[in-house]
């Protein structure tokens, strides 16, 4: 792989992974609070971001494993 590719940099990849994990944890906490009656429901934007994060993670897993996804 090309070392200049931003997907190859360990620090950038960790930062992206950390950001996705923080968003996931925040969404889960809001869902839990809402179900307990202790807070508002997550927004549509939060669900859409989670959906994009999951799609990205799945695509990266397929790329890294060499699978085509078809």
Protein backbone atom coordinates (compact mmCIF):
# COMPACT_ATOMS: atom_id res chain seq x y z
CA UNK A 1 0.00 0.00 0.00
CA UNK A 2 1.05 3.57 -0.61
CA UNK A 3 2.43 5.25 2.53
CA UNK A 4 0.95 8.59 1.36
CA UNK A 5 -2.56 7.16 1.41
CA UNK A 6 -4.40 8.64 4.43
CA UNK A 7 -6.08 5.28 5.01
CA UNK A 8 -2.63 3.83 5.72
CA UNK A 9 -1.65 6.17 8.52
CA UNK A 10 -1.99 4.54 11.89
CA UNK A 11 -2.72 7.75 13.80
CA UNK A 12 -5.44 8.86 11.39
CA UNK A 13 -7.03 5.42 11.40
CA UNK A 14 -7.03 5.31 15.20
CA UNK A 15 -8.58 8.77 15.37
CA UNK A 16 -11.33 7.73 12.94
CA UNK A 17 -11.99 4.50 14.82
CA UNK A 18 -12.07 6.36 18.13
CA UNK A 19 -14.52 8.94 16.75
CA UNK A 20 -16.82 6.21 15.42
CA UNK A 21 -16.68 4.37 18.75
CA UNK A 22 -17.43 7.55 20.71
CA UNK A 23 -20.43 8.28 18.48
CA UNK A 24 -21.66 4.69 18.95
CA UNK A 25 -21.34 4.90 22.71
CA UNK A 26 -23.12 8.27 22.81
CA UNK A 27 -25.98 6.88 20.71
CA UNK A 28 -26.32 3.80 22.92
CA UNK A 29 -26.34 6.00 26.05
CA UNK A 30 -29.07 8.24 24.60
CA UNK A 31 -31.13 5.21 23.58
CA UNK A 32 -30.79 3.75 27.07
CA UNK A 33 -31.72 7.04 28.75
CA UNK A 34 -34.73 7.44 26.46
CA UNK A 35 -35.95 3.91 27.17
CA UNK A 36 -35.66 4.57 30.91
CA UNK A 37 -37.54 7.87 30.54
CA UNK A 38 -34.45 9.83 31.57
CA UNK A 39 -33.75 11.69 28.35
CA UNK A 40 -34.80 12.53 24.81
CA UNK A 41 -34.73 10.09 21.95
CA UNK A 42 -31.70 10.11 19.66
CA UNK A 43 -32.09 12.29 16.61
CA UNK A 44 -32.50 11.08 13.06
CA UNK A 45 -29.08 12.61 12.31
CA UNK A 46 -27.49 10.48 15.04
CA UNK A 47 -29.01 7.32 13.57
CA UNK A 48 -27.92 8.33 10.06
CA UNK A 49 -24.35 8.93 11.29
CA UNK A 50 -24.36 5.53 13.03
CA UNK A 51 -25.62 3.93 9.80
CA UNK A 52 -22.78 5.56 7.83
CA UNK A 53 -20.23 4.52 10.46
CA UNK A 54 -21.39 0.90 10.30
CA UNK A 55 -21.36 0.89 6.49
CA UNK A 56 -17.83 2.33 6.51
CA UNK A 57 -16.61 -0.24 9.03
CA UNK A 58 -18.11 -3.10 7.04
CA UNK A 59 -16.61 -1.81 3.78
CA UNK A 60 -13.18 -1.40 5.38
CA UNK A 61 -13.41 -4.92 6.79
CA UNK A 62 -14.19 -6.27 3.33
CA UNK A 63 -11.32 -4.30 1.79
CA UNK A 64 -8.85 -5.43 4.39
CA UNK A 65 -9.94 -9.05 4.08
CA UNK A 66 -9.84 -8.98 0.28
CA UNK A 67 -13.56 -9.76 -0.03
CA UNK A 68 -15.51 -8.03 -2.77
CA UNK A 69 -18.78 -7.78 -0.89
CA UNK A 70 -20.74 -9.10 -3.88
